[in-house]
Amino acid sequence: DYFAEQAICIVEWPEKGVGFIPTPDLSIEMAYEDQQRCITITAKSARGEKIISSLG
C-alpha cells in the first residue's frame, strides 16, 4: 500500500532498500549552502518529469 500508484512515499536512505523498493519517480536532495538550504529535484522517470513540469 505504501507504493500504490497515487501514494507519496519519502525514503530517507533509499540505497538501503535496493531490491525491496521500486525505482523512484523523483529524487529530492536537500543540502546546506552557507546560511541557506538548497533543494534539488531530479526526475527519474517519465512520471517524475511530468510532476516537475506541473510545478511551473
C-alpha atoms as a PDB file:
ATOM      1  CA  ASP A   1       0.000   0.000   0.000  1.00  0.00           C
ATOM      2  CA  TYR A   2       2.897   2.376   0.643  1.00  0.00           C
ATOM      3  CA  PHE A   3       3.913   2.263  -3.015  1.00  0.00           C
ATOM      4  CA  ALA A   4       0.422   2.491  -4.566  1.00  0.00           C
ATOM      5  CA  GLU A   5       0.068   4.490  -7.785  1.00  0.00           C
ATOM      6  CA  GLN A   6      -1.377   7.579  -6.065  1.00  0.00           C
ATOM      7  CA  ALA A   7       0.737   7.373  -2.894  1.00  0.00           C
ATOM      8  CA  ILE A   8       3.583   9.663  -1.912  1.00  0.00           C
ATOM      9  CA  CYS A   9       6.336   7.837  -0.078  1.00  0.00           C
ATOM     10  CA  ILE A  10       9.531   9.533   1.098  1.00  0.00           C
ATOM     11  CA  VAL A  11      12.501   7.269   1.811  1.00  0.00           C
ATOM     12  CA  GLU A  12      15.435   8.830   3.657  1.00  0.00           C
ATOM     13  CA  TRP A  13      18.097   6.256   2.692  1.00  0.00           C
ATOM     14  CA  PRO A  14      16.827   4.558  -0.493  1.00  0.00           C
ATOM     15  CA  GLU A  15      20.178   2.873  -1.140  1.00  0.00           C
ATOM     16  CA  LYS A  16      19.438   0.637   1.856  1.00  0.00           C
ATOM     17  CA  GLY A  17      16.261  -0.594   0.158  1.00  0.00           C
ATOM     18  CA  VAL A  18      17.699  -1.599  -3.222  1.00  0.00           C
ATOM     19  CA  GLY A  19      15.840  -4.671  -4.409  1.00  0.00           C
ATOM     20  CA  PHE A  20      12.977  -4.071  -1.964  1.00  0.00           C
ATOM     21  CA  ILE A  21      11.575  -0.693  -3.011  1.00  0.00           C
ATOM     22  CA  PRO A  22      10.580   0.353  -6.539  1.00  0.00           C
ATOM     23  CA  THR A  23      12.580   2.780  -8.674  1.00  0.00           C
ATOM     24  CA  PRO A  24      11.612   6.337  -7.667  1.00  0.00           C
ATOM     25  CA  ASP A  25       9.882   8.854  -9.922  1.00  0.00           C
ATOM     26  CA  LEU A  26      11.736  11.733  -8.249  1.00  0.00           C
ATOM     27  CA  SER A  27      14.932  12.279  -6.313  1.00  0.00           C
ATOM     28  CA  ILE A  28      14.838  15.153  -3.812  1.00  0.00           C
ATOM     29  CA  GLU A  29      18.151  16.234  -2.301  1.00  0.00           C
ATOM     30  CA  MET A  30      18.486  18.798   0.472  1.00  0.00           C
ATOM     31  CA  ALA A  31      21.794  20.468   1.312  1.00  0.00           C
ATOM     32  CA  TYR A  32      23.177  23.390   3.269  1.00  0.00           C
ATOM     33  CA  GLU A  33      24.780  26.242   1.335  1.00  0.00           C
ATOM     34  CA  ASP A  34      26.227  28.942   3.572  1.00  0.00           C
ATOM     35  CA  GLN A  35      23.279  30.154   5.677  1.00  0.00           C
ATOM     36  CA  GLN A  36      20.558  28.711   3.444  1.00  0.00           C
ATOM     37  CA  ARG A  37      19.263  25.370   2.278  1.00  0.00           C
ATOM     38  CA  CYS A  38      19.253  24.161  -1.304  1.00  0.00           C
ATOM     39  CA  ILE A  39      16.701  21.652  -2.635  1.00  0.00           C
ATOM     40  CA  THR A  40      17.335  19.822  -5.908  1.00  0.00           C
ATOM     41  CA  ILE A  41      14.534  17.815  -7.516  1.00  0.00           C
ATOM     42  CA  THR A  42      15.518  15.385 -10.283  1.00  0.00           C
ATOM     43  CA  ALA A  43      13.164  13.309 -12.429  1.00  0.00           C
ATOM     44  CA  LYS A  44      13.946   9.585 -12.507  1.00  0.00           C
ATOM     45  CA  SER A  45      11.051   8.566 -14.785  1.00  0.00           C
ATOM     46  CA  ALA A  46       8.587   9.970 -17.316  1.00  0.00           C
ATOM     47  CA  ARG A  47       6.086  10.344 -14.478  1.00  0.00           C
ATOM     48  CA  GLY A  48       8.685  12.299 -12.497  1.00  0.00           C
ATOM     49  CA  GLU A  49       9.256  14.634 -15.457  1.00  0.00           C
ATOM     50  CA  LYS A  50       5.504  15.230 -15.686  1.00  0.00           C
ATOM     51  CA  ILE A  51       5.394  16.092 -11.976  1.00  0.00           C
ATOM     52  CA  ILE A  52       8.304  18.548 -12.308  1.00  0.00           C
ATOM     53  CA  SER A  53       6.696  20.153 -15.378  1.00  0.00           C
ATOM     54  CA  SER A  54       3.498  20.708 -13.406  1.00  0.00           C
ATOM     55  CA  LEU A  55       5.427  22.691 -10.760  1.00  0.00           C
ATOM     56  CA  GLY A  56       5.856  25.540 -13.224  1.00  0.00           C
END
